[in-house]
């Protein structure tokens, strides 16, 4: 025979359940409870913001234009199987050297020398943090810690990786004009130190948001556009074409994969300046 509970008991249990739901809700909405924790300073890598905003990408369409496969790596990849990448058709590579003025890639030697030793043309990149120090200071730090250039036919010019801030506000707390000034200061100092115009790595959506789609660097600095899709899409203002295109973060072996806009001899030409 069923036992009939009093209305008071039922109301008590409903109130208790409601209290539990409220407590759980409070815990989930407490600062830092539901959100992903911020990454550790120094752990940022090329394309980190692209994954967060655009996804991981797919296979580029076959446009029949001659392009040359490349990768970019950081400490995130650890010791890289360079011979495997070379055998798969990868002919050039970029290695993270520095970030801000506080971090040097702990796997730099294995990655930079390893890519060279299997025959690749390689270069280095700097992950910019415009909210920590000036553009000129970061360019100096980059050049002093692996970002230099030599005309040996195997060294590509350095790259300024300027993209979404993984540690805070997307535009690093800078106005569009202040961001353009910061970038200009970095690029000017890098050229003064090395004699080369640095490559600018960015995504069109970030560039539009954080620089106002500034068009003033397209005539001097090669563009490395990040767009994880089957086509590179609209480019940032001022660049009529891209030099490199990062099309996915899900490489068949390791690292982000890229297309150089031209045959292998054009990669050599960029290395030689």
C-alpha atoms as a PDB file:
ATOM      1  CA  UNK A   1       0.000   0.000   0.000  1.00  0.00           C
ATOM      2  CA  UNK A   2       1.604   3.355  -0.966  1.00  0.00           C
ATOM      3  CA  UNK A   3       2.658   5.737   1.737  1.00  0.00           C
ATOM      4  CA  UNK A   4       1.314   9.261   1.264  1.00  0.00           C
ATOM      5  CA  UNK A   5       3.793  11.947   2.352  1.00  0.00           C
ATOM      6  CA  UNK A   6       2.539  15.138   3.848  1.00  0.00           C
ATOM      7  CA  UNK A   7       2.585  18.304   1.808  1.00  0.00           C
ATOM      8  CA  UNK A   8       4.954  19.830   4.340  1.00  0.00           C
ATOM      9  CA  UNK A   9       7.531  17.050   3.846  1.00  0.00           C
ATOM     10  CA  UNK A  10       7.321  17.390   0.071  1.00  0.00           C
ATOM     11  CA  UNK A  11       7.773  21.133   0.270  1.00  0.00           C
ATOM     12  CA  UNK A  12      10.795  20.657   2.555  1.00  0.00           C
ATOM     13  CA  UNK A  13      12.436  18.320   0.085  1.00  0.00           C
ATOM     14  CA  UNK A  14      11.733  20.639  -2.834  1.00  0.00           C
ATOM     15  CA  UNK A  15      13.270  23.529  -0.913  1.00  0.00           C
ATOM     16  CA  UNK A  16      16.355  21.450  -0.117  1.00  0.00           C
ATOM     17  CA  UNK A  17      16.700  20.455  -3.776  1.00  0.00           C
ATOM     18  CA  UNK A  18      16.385  24.078  -4.796  1.00  0.00           C
ATOM     19  CA  UNK A  19      19.086  25.060  -2.352  1.00  0.00           C
ATOM     20  CA  UNK A  20      21.422  22.390  -3.774  1.00  0.00           C
ATOM     21  CA  UNK A  21      20.854  23.601  -7.337  1.00  0.00           C
ATOM     22  CA  UNK A  22      21.569  27.162  -6.230  1.00  0.00           C
ATOM     23  CA  UNK A  23      24.828  26.092  -4.551  1.00  0.00           C
ATOM     24  CA  UNK A  24      25.961  24.170  -7.637  1.00  0.00           C
ATOM     25  CA  UNK A  25      25.081  27.133  -9.848  1.00  0.00           C
ATOM     26  CA  UNK A  26      27.071  29.450  -7.607  1.00  0.00           C
ATOM     27  CA  UNK A  27      30.106  27.185  -7.759  1.00  0.00           C
ATOM     28  CA  UNK A  28      29.949  26.927 -11.544  1.00  0.00           C
ATOM     29  CA  UNK A  29      29.678  30.682 -11.993  1.00  0.00           C
ATOM     30  CA  UNK A  30      32.336  31.572  -9.427  1.00  0.00           C
ATOM     31  CA  UNK A  31      35.376  33.341 -10.922  1.00  0.00           C
ATOM     32  CA  UNK A  32      37.585  30.801 -12.695  1.00  0.00           C
ATOM     33  CA  UNK A  33      35.313  27.835 -11.911  1.00  0.00           C
ATOM     34  CA  UNK A  34      33.744  27.311 -15.311  1.00  0.00           C
ATOM     35  CA  UNK A  35      36.208  29.179 -17.529  1.00  0.00           C
ATOM     36  CA  UNK A  36      39.334  27.542 -18.854  1.00  0.00           C
ATOM     37  CA  UNK A  37      42.372  28.613 -16.858  1.00  0.00           C
ATOM     38  CA  UNK A  38      44.714  31.104 -18.486  1.00  0.00           C
ATOM     39  CA  UNK A  39      47.794  29.474 -20.051  1.00  0.00           C
ATOM     40  CA  UNK A  40      51.181  29.839 -18.405  1.00  0.00           C
ATOM     41  CA  UNK A  41      53.232  32.797 -19.655  1.00  0.00           C
ATOM     42  CA  UNK A  42      55.621  31.593 -22.345  1.00  0.00           C
ATOM     43  CA  UNK A  43      53.401  28.755 -23.534  1.00  0.00           C
ATOM     44  CA  UNK A  44      51.766  30.709 -26.366  1.00  0.00           C
ATOM     45  CA  UNK A  45      52.395  29.464 -29.873  1.00  0.00           C
ATOM     46  CA  UNK A  46      51.618  30.476 -33.412  1.00  0.00           C
ATOM     47  CA  UNK A  47      47.963  29.931 -34.220  1.00  0.00           C
ATOM     48  CA  UNK A  48      46.857  29.568 -30.607  1.00  0.00           C
ATOM     49  CA  UNK A  49      44.249  32.275 -31.063  1.00  0.00           C
ATOM     50  CA  UNK A  50      43.224  30.982 -34.480  1.00  0.00           C
ATOM     51  CA  UNK A  51      42.203  27.632 -33.004  1.00  0.00           C
ATOM     52  CA  UNK A  52      40.106  29.415 -30.401  1.00  0.00           C
ATOM     53  CA  UNK A  53      38.371  31.629 -32.961  1.00  0.00           C
ATOM     54  CA  UNK A  54      38.307  29.650 -36.216  1.00  0.00           C
ATOM     55  CA  UNK A  55      38.660  25.972 -35.310  1.00  0.00           C
ATOM     56  CA  UNK A  56      41.317  23.553 -36.492  1.00  0.00           C
ATOM     57  CA  UNK A  57      40.782  23.736 -40.251  1.00  0.00           C
ATOM     58  CA  UNK A  58      40.834  21.204 -43.051  1.00  0.00           C
ATOM     59  CA  UNK A  59      42.511  20.287 -46.298  1.00  0.00           C
ATOM     60  CA  UNK A  60      43.166  23.196 -48.684  1.00  0.00           C
ATOM     61  CA  UNK A  61      41.519  23.111 -52.053  1.00  0.00           C
ATOM     62  CA  UNK A  62      43.681  22.108 -54.987  1.00  0.00           C
ATOM     63  CA  UNK A  63      44.045  25.407 -56.831  1.00  0.00           C
ATOM     64  CA  UNK A  64      46.731  23.982 -59.147  1.00  0.00           C
ATOM     65  CA  UNK A  65      49.063  26.797 -58.144  1.00  0.00           C
ATOM     66  CA  UNK A  66      52.504  25.578 -57.135  1.00  0.00           C
ATOM     67  CA  UNK A  67      52.933  25.792 -53.365  1.00  0.00           C
ATOM     68  CA  UNK A  68      55.526  24.436 -50.951  1.00  0.00           C
ATOM     69  CA  UNK A  69      54.636  22.738 -47.674  1.00  0.00           C
ATOM     70  CA  UNK A  70      56.022  23.996 -44.363  1.00  0.00           C
ATOM     71  CA  UNK A  71      55.490  23.688 -40.615  1.00  0.00           C
ATOM     72  CA  UNK A  72      55.836  25.862 -37.546  1.00  0.00           C
ATOM     73  CA  UNK A  73      56.690  24.484 -34.114  1.00  0.00           C
ATOM     74  CA  UNK A  74      57.258  25.621 -30.538  1.00  0.00           C
ATOM     75  CA  UNK A  75      58.043  23.992 -27.197  1.00  0.00           C
ATOM     76  CA  UNK A  76      54.483  22.654 -27.440  1.00  0.00           C
ATOM     77  CA  UNK A  77      55.810  20.022 -29.881  1.00  0.00           C
ATOM     78  CA  UNK A  78      58.906  19.080 -27.868  1.00  0.00           C
ATOM     79  CA  UNK A  79      61.553  17.135 -29.777  1.00  0.00           C
ATOM     80  CA  UNK A  80      60.409  17.045 -33.394  1.00  0.00           C
ATOM     81  CA  UNK A  81      60.735  14.148 -35.839  1.00  0.00           C
ATOM     82  CA  UNK A  82      62.318  16.218 -38.568  1.00  0.00           C
ATOM     83  CA  UNK A  83      63.254  13.291 -40.803  1.00  0.00           C
ATOM     84  CA  UNK A  84      59.619  12.178 -40.801  1.00  0.00           C
ATOM     85  CA  UNK A  85      58.454  15.660 -41.763  1.00  0.00           C
ATOM     86  CA  UNK A  86      61.070  15.884 -44.512  1.00  0.00           C
ATOM     87  CA  UNK A  87      59.991  12.515 -45.914  1.00  0.00           C
ATOM     88  CA  UNK A  88      56.362  13.683 -45.918  1.00  0.00           C
ATOM     89  CA  UNK A  89      57.244  16.615 -48.189  1.00  0.00           C
ATOM     90  CA  UNK A  90      57.819  19.449 -45.729  1.00  0.00           C
ATOM     91  CA  UNK A  91      60.613  21.676 -47.061  1.00  0.00           C
ATOM     92  CA  UNK A  92      60.643  24.692 -44.734  1.00  0.00           C
ATOM     93  CA  UNK A  93      60.022  25.386 -41.060  1.00  0.00           C
ATOM     94  CA  UNK A  94      59.654  28.173 -38.542  1.00  0.00           C
ATOM     95  CA  UNK A  95      60.599  27.650 -34.904  1.00  0.00           C
ATOM     96  CA  UNK A  96      59.426  29.784 -32.004  1.00  0.00           C
ATOM     97  CA  UNK A  97      62.430  31.527 -30.492  1.00  0.00           C
ATOM     98  CA  UNK A  98      60.992  33.988 -27.981  1.00  0.00           C
ATOM     99  CA  UNK A  99      57.955  35.549 -26.378  1.00  0.00           C
ATOM    100  CA  UNK A 100      57.783  39.027 -24.866  1.00  0.00           C
ATOM    101  CA  UNK A 101      61.098  39.744 -23.172  1.00  0.00           C
ATOM    102  CA  UNK A 102      60.730  36.912 -20.672  1.00  0.00           C
ATOM    103  CA  UNK A 103      60.707  33.578 -22.506  1.00  0.00           C
ATOM    104  CA  UNK A 104      63.011  31.509 -24.729  1.00  0.00           C
ATOM    105  CA  UNK A 105      61.911  28.247 -26.334  1.00  0.00           C
ATOM    106  CA  UNK A 106      63.385  25.402 -24.260  1.00  0.00           C
ATOM    107  CA  UNK A 107      63.443  23.103 -27.327  1.00  0.00           C
ATOM    108  CA  UNK A 108      64.949  25.708 -29.630  1.00  0.00           C
ATOM    109  CA  UNK A 109      68.262  23.946 -30.349  1.00  0.00           C
ATOM    110  CA  UNK A 110      66.706  20.596 -31.273  1.00  0.00           C
ATOM    111  CA  UNK A 111      64.086  22.232 -33.433  1.00  0.00           C
ATOM    112  CA  UNK A 112      66.177  24.886 -35.162  1.00  0.00           C
ATOM    113  CA  UNK A 113      69.245  22.734 -35.810  1.00  0.00           C
ATOM    114  CA  UNK A 114      67.221  19.607 -36.469  1.00  0.00           C
ATOM    115  CA  UNK A 115      65.226  21.192 -39.277  1.00  0.00           C
ATOM    116  CA  UNK A 116      68.420  22.524 -40.831  1.00  0.00           C
ATOM    117  CA  UNK A 117      70.212  19.178 -40.566  1.00  0.00           C
ATOM    118  CA  UNK A 118      67.568  17.318 -42.600  1.00  0.00           C
ATOM    119  CA  UNK A 119      67.809  19.917 -45.365  1.00  0.00           C
ATOM    120  CA  UNK A 120      65.024  22.353 -44.609  1.00  0.00           C
ATOM    121  CA  UNK A 121      65.148  26.102 -45.009  1.00  0.00           C
ATOM    122  CA  UNK A 122      64.208  27.419 -41.598  1.00  0.00           C
ATOM    123  CA  UNK A 123      63.605  30.589 -39.640  1.00  0.00           C
ATOM    124  CA  UNK A 124      62.357  31.738 -36.267  1.00  0.00           C
ATOM    125  CA  UNK A 125      59.374  33.623 -34.897  1.00  0.00           C
ATOM    126  CA  UNK A 126      58.590  35.844 -31.937  1.00  0.00           C
ATOM    127  CA  UNK A 127      55.243  35.691 -30.119  1.00  0.00           C
ATOM    128  CA  UNK A 128      54.387  39.318 -29.414  1.00  0.00           C
ATOM    129  CA  UNK A 129      52.943  40.519 -26.108  1.00  0.00           C
ATOM    130  CA  UNK A 130      52.410  44.257 -26.703  1.00  0.00           C
ATOM    131  CA  UNK A 131      51.136  44.777 -23.159  1.00  0.00           C
ATOM    132  CA  UNK A 132      54.412  43.802 -21.459  1.00  0.00           C
ATOM    133  CA  UNK A 133      57.226  45.778 -23.131  1.00  0.00           C
ATOM    134  CA  UNK A 134      57.811  47.976 -26.176  1.00  0.00           C
ATOM    135  CA  UNK A 135      58.030  46.752 -29.744  1.00  0.00           C
ATOM    136  CA  UNK A 136      61.679  47.784 -29.988  1.00  0.00           C
ATOM    137  CA  UNK A 137      62.563  45.968 -26.756  1.00  0.00           C
ATOM    138  CA  UNK A 138      60.925  42.783 -27.973  1.00  0.00           C
ATOM    139  CA  UNK A 139      62.652  42.988 -31.351  1.00  0.00           C
ATOM    140  CA  UNK A 140      65.991  43.263 -29.562  1.00  0.00           C
ATOM    141  CA  UNK A 141      65.165  40.311 -27.326  1.00  0.00           C
ATOM    142  CA  UNK A 142      64.168  38.273 -30.372  1.00  0.00           C
ATOM    143  CA  UNK A 143      67.338  39.056 -32.333  1.00  0.00           C
ATOM    144  CA  UNK A 144      69.522  38.404 -29.297  1.00  0.00           C
ATOM    145  CA  UNK A 145      67.950  34.989 -28.701  1.00  0.00           C
ATOM    146  CA  UNK A 146      67.712  33.233 -32.038  1.00  0.00           C
ATOM    147  CA  UNK A 147      65.899  35.739 -34.239  1.00  0.00           C
ATOM    148  CA  UNK A 148      68.863  36.899 -36.308  1.00  0.00           C
ATOM    149  CA  UNK A 149      69.370  36.364 -40.020  1.00  0.00           C
ATOM    150  CA  UNK A 150      72.291  35.396 -42.254  1.00  0.00           C
ATOM    151  CA  UNK A 151      72.452  35.185 -46.018  1.00  0.00           C
ATOM    152  CA  UNK A 152      73.294  31.505 -46.284  1.00  0.00           C
ATOM    153  CA  UNK A 153      70.353  30.484 -48.453  1.00  0.00           C
ATOM    154  CA  UNK A 154      68.908  28.412 -45.602  1.00  0.00           C
ATOM    155  CA  UNK A 155      67.740  31.096 -43.124  1.00  0.00           C
ATOM    156  CA  UNK A 156      64.390  32.821 -43.521  1.00  0.00           C
ATOM    157  CA  UNK A 157      63.730  36.308 -42.137  1.00  0.00           C
ATOM    158  CA  UNK A 158      62.239  36.512 -38.650  1.00  0.00           C
ATOM    159  CA  UNK A 159      58.496  36.580 -38.049  1.00  0.00           C
ATOM    160  CA  UNK A 160      56.422  38.822 -35.819  1.00  0.00           C
ATOM    161  CA  UNK A 161      53.573  36.634 -34.578  1.00  0.00           C
ATOM    162  CA  UNK A 162      50.865  39.152 -33.696  1.00  0.00           C
ATOM    163  CA  UNK A 163      47.479  37.622 -32.863  1.00  0.00           C
ATOM    164  CA  UNK A 164      44.883  37.162 -30.129  1.00  0.00           C
ATOM    165  CA  UNK A 165      46.177  37.546 -26.600  1.00  0.00           C
ATOM    166  CA  UNK A 166      45.967  34.160 -24.859  1.00  0.00           C
ATOM    167  CA  UNK A 167      46.510  35.778 -21.460  1.00  0.00           C
ATOM    168  CA  UNK A 168      43.873  38.512 -21.499  1.00  0.00           C
ATOM    169  CA  UNK A 169      42.135  41.109 -23.672  1.00  0.00           C
ATOM    170  CA  UNK A 170      42.338  40.267 -27.391  1.00  0.00           C
ATOM    171  CA  UNK A 171      44.087  43.525 -28.329  1.00  0.00           C
ATOM    172  CA  UNK A 172      46.351  43.624 -25.262  1.00  0.00           C
ATOM    173  CA  UNK A 173      44.569  46.685 -23.922  1.00  0.00           C
ATOM    174  CA  UNK A 174      45.791  48.877 -26.788  1.00  0.00           C
ATOM    175  CA  UNK A 175      43.865  51.187 -29.068  1.00  0.00           C
ATOM    176  CA  UNK A 176      44.115  50.510 -32.792  1.00  0.00           C
ATOM    177  CA  UNK A 177      46.544  53.389 -33.345  1.00  0.00           C
ATOM    178  CA  UNK A 178      48.692  52.344 -30.374  1.00  0.00           C
ATOM    179  CA  UNK A 179      48.839  48.799 -31.723  1.00  0.00           C
ATOM    180  CA  UNK A 180      49.990  50.027 -35.139  1.00  0.00           C
ATOM    181  CA  UNK A 181      52.701  52.074 -33.430  1.00  0.00           C
ATOM    182  CA  UNK A 182      53.840  49.062 -31.410  1.00  0.00           C
ATOM    183  CA  UNK A 183      54.048  46.876 -34.518  1.00  0.00           C
ATOM    184  CA  UNK A 184      55.908  49.571 -36.444  1.00  0.00           C
ATOM    185  CA  UNK A 185      58.453  49.950 -33.641  1.00  0.00           C
ATOM    186  CA  UNK A 186      59.096  46.192 -33.658  1.00  0.00           C
ATOM    187  CA  UNK A 187      59.461  45.991 -37.443  1.00  0.00           C
ATOM    188  CA  UNK A 188      61.727  49.041 -37.642  1.00  0.00           C
ATOM    189  CA  UNK A 189      64.044  47.751 -34.917  1.00  0.00           C
ATOM    190  CA  UNK A 190      64.178  44.290 -36.438  1.00  0.00           C
ATOM    191  CA  UNK A 191      65.213  45.705 -39.809  1.00  0.00           C
ATOM    192  CA  UNK A 192      67.793  47.971 -38.184  1.00  0.00           C
ATOM    193  CA  UNK A 193      69.304  44.967 -36.403  1.00  0.00           C
ATOM    194  CA  UNK A 194      69.214  42.421 -39.259  1.00  0.00           C
ATOM    195  CA  UNK A 195      68.864  44.301 -42.544  1.00  0.00           C
ATOM    196  CA  UNK A 196      65.694  42.323 -43.327  1.00  0.00           C
ATOM    197  CA  UNK A 197      62.018  43.189 -43.225  1.00  0.00           C
ATOM    198  CA  UNK A 198      60.316  40.790 -40.836  1.00  0.00           C
ATOM    199  CA  UNK A 199      57.391  38.675 -41.938  1.00  0.00           C
ATOM    200  CA  UNK A 200      54.069  39.578 -40.289  1.00  0.00           C
ATOM    201  CA  UNK A 201      51.983  36.612 -39.131  1.00  0.00           C
ATOM    202  CA  UNK A 202      48.383  37.452 -38.304  1.00  0.00           C
ATOM    203  CA  UNK A 203      44.720  36.645 -38.955  1.00  0.00           C
ATOM    204  CA  UNK A 204      42.535  39.041 -40.932  1.00  0.00           C
ATOM    205  CA  UNK A 205      39.861  39.173 -38.233  1.00  0.00           C
ATOM    206  CA  UNK A 206      42.371  40.028 -35.492  1.00  0.00           C
ATOM    207  CA  UNK A 207      44.127  42.577 -37.708  1.00  0.00           C
ATOM    208  CA  UNK A 208      40.828  44.274 -38.486  1.00  0.00           C
ATOM    209  CA  UNK A 209      39.761  44.363 -34.850  1.00  0.00           C
ATOM    210  CA  UNK A 210      43.044  45.449 -33.296  1.00  0.00           C
ATOM    211  CA  UNK A 211      44.702  47.673 -35.936  1.00  0.00           C
ATOM    212  CA  UNK A 212      41.596  48.984 -37.705  1.00  0.00           C
ATOM    213  CA  UNK A 213      42.740  46.983 -40.761  1.00  0.00           C
ATOM    214  CA  UNK A 214      45.810  49.175 -41.161  1.00  0.00           C
ATOM    215  CA  UNK A 215      47.271  48.986 -44.685  1.00  0.00           C
ATOM    216  CA  UNK A 216      50.740  50.441 -44.189  1.00  0.00           C
ATOM    217  CA  UNK A 217      52.944  47.350 -43.962  1.00  0.00           C
ATOM    218  CA  UNK A 218      51.929  45.536 -47.133  1.00  0.00           C
ATOM    219  CA  UNK A 219      54.581  47.080 -49.367  1.00  0.00           C
ATOM    220  CA  UNK A 220      57.511  46.090 -47.149  1.00  0.00           C
ATOM    221  CA  UNK A 221      56.713  43.114 -44.935  1.00  0.00           C
ATOM    222  CA  UNK A 222      55.730  39.694 -46.310  1.00  0.00           C
ATOM    223  CA  UNK A 223      52.384  38.391 -45.039  1.00  0.00           C
ATOM    224  CA  UNK A 224      51.845  35.052 -43.328  1.00  0.00           C
ATOM    225  CA  UNK A 225      48.080  34.779 -43.031  1.00  0.00           C
ATOM    226  CA  UNK A 226      46.376  32.412 -40.608  1.00  0.00           C
ATOM    227  CA  UNK A 227      43.022  31.005 -41.654  1.00  0.00           C
ATOM    228  CA  UNK A 228      42.016  27.454 -40.846  1.00  0.00           C
ATOM    229  CA  UNK A 229      39.857  26.719 -43.841  1.00  0.00           C
ATOM    230  CA  UNK A 230      40.062  25.358 -47.366  1.00  0.00           C
ATOM    231  CA  UNK A 231      40.971  28.800 -48.759  1.00  0.00           C
ATOM    232  CA  UNK A 232      42.923  31.715 -47.237  1.00  0.00           C
ATOM    233  CA  UNK A 233      39.994  34.095 -47.687  1.00  0.00           C
ATOM    234  CA  UNK A 234      40.153  37.886 -47.465  1.00  0.00           C
ATOM    235  CA  UNK A 235      43.614  39.219 -46.612  1.00  0.00           C
ATOM    236  CA  UNK A 236      44.425  42.106 -44.262  1.00  0.00           C
ATOM    237  CA  UNK A 237      44.451  45.534 -45.930  1.00  0.00           C
ATOM    238  CA  UNK A 238      47.588  46.503 -47.819  1.00  0.00           C
ATOM    239  CA  UNK A 239      48.639  42.991 -48.845  1.00  0.00           C
ATOM    240  CA  UNK A 240      47.628  42.050 -52.398  1.00  0.00           C
ATOM    241  CA  UNK A 241      48.784  38.457 -51.851  1.00  0.00           C
ATOM    242  CA  UNK A 242      50.079  36.218 -49.069  1.00  0.00           C
ATOM    243  CA  UNK A 243      53.574  34.780 -48.911  1.00  0.00           C
ATOM    244  CA  UNK A 244      52.614  31.992 -46.506  1.00  0.00           C
ATOM    245  CA  UNK A 245      49.274  30.590 -45.387  1.00  0.00           C
ATOM    246  CA  UNK A 246      48.784  28.636 -42.175  1.00  0.00           C
ATOM    247  CA  UNK A 247      45.831  26.418 -43.015  1.00  0.00           C
ATOM    248  CA  UNK A 248      45.610  23.966 -40.115  1.00  0.00           C
ATOM    249  CA  UNK A 249      46.818  23.187 -36.603  1.00  0.00           C
ATOM    250  CA  UNK A 250      46.279  19.449 -37.162  1.00  0.00           C
ATOM    251  CA  UNK A 251      49.340  18.375 -39.109  1.00  0.00           C
ATOM    252  CA  UNK A 252      49.721  14.730 -40.163  1.00  0.00           C
ATOM    253  CA  UNK A 253      52.917  14.415 -38.098  1.00  0.00           C
ATOM    254  CA  UNK A 254      53.423  17.458 -35.898  1.00  0.00           C
ATOM    255  CA  UNK A 255      52.978  21.210 -35.755  1.00  0.00           C
ATOM    256  CA  UNK A 256      50.820  23.654 -37.679  1.00  0.00           C
ATOM    257  CA  UNK A 257      50.965  23.202 -41.428  1.00  0.00           C
ATOM    258  CA  UNK A 258      51.410  25.921 -44.009  1.00  0.00           C
ATOM    259  CA  UNK A 259      51.605  26.584 -47.719  1.00  0.00           C
ATOM    260  CA  UNK A 260      54.305  28.827 -49.191  1.00  0.00           C
ATOM    261  CA  UNK A 261      52.826  30.750 -52.107  1.00  0.00           C
ATOM    262  CA  UNK A 262      55.262  29.527 -54.735  1.00  0.00           C
ATOM    263  CA  UNK A 263      57.657  26.774 -55.691  1.00  0.00           C
ATOM    264  CA  UNK A 264      60.712  25.820 -53.654  1.00  0.00           C
ATOM    265  CA  UNK A 265      62.928  28.309 -55.490  1.00  0.00           C
ATOM    266  CA  UNK A 266      60.750  31.131 -54.122  1.00  0.00           C
ATOM    267  CA  UNK A 267      61.380  29.912 -50.581  1.00  0.00           C
ATOM    268  CA  UNK A 268      65.096  30.104 -51.354  1.00  0.00           C
ATOM    269  CA  UNK A 269      64.619  33.606 -52.764  1.00  0.00           C
ATOM    270  CA  UNK A 270      62.971  34.773 -49.530  1.00  0.00           C
ATOM    271  CA  UNK A 271      65.830  33.284 -47.540  1.00  0.00           C
ATOM    272  CA  UNK A 272      68.392  35.099 -49.646  1.00  0.00           C
ATOM    273  CA  UNK A 273      66.559  38.419 -49.470  1.00  0.00           C
END
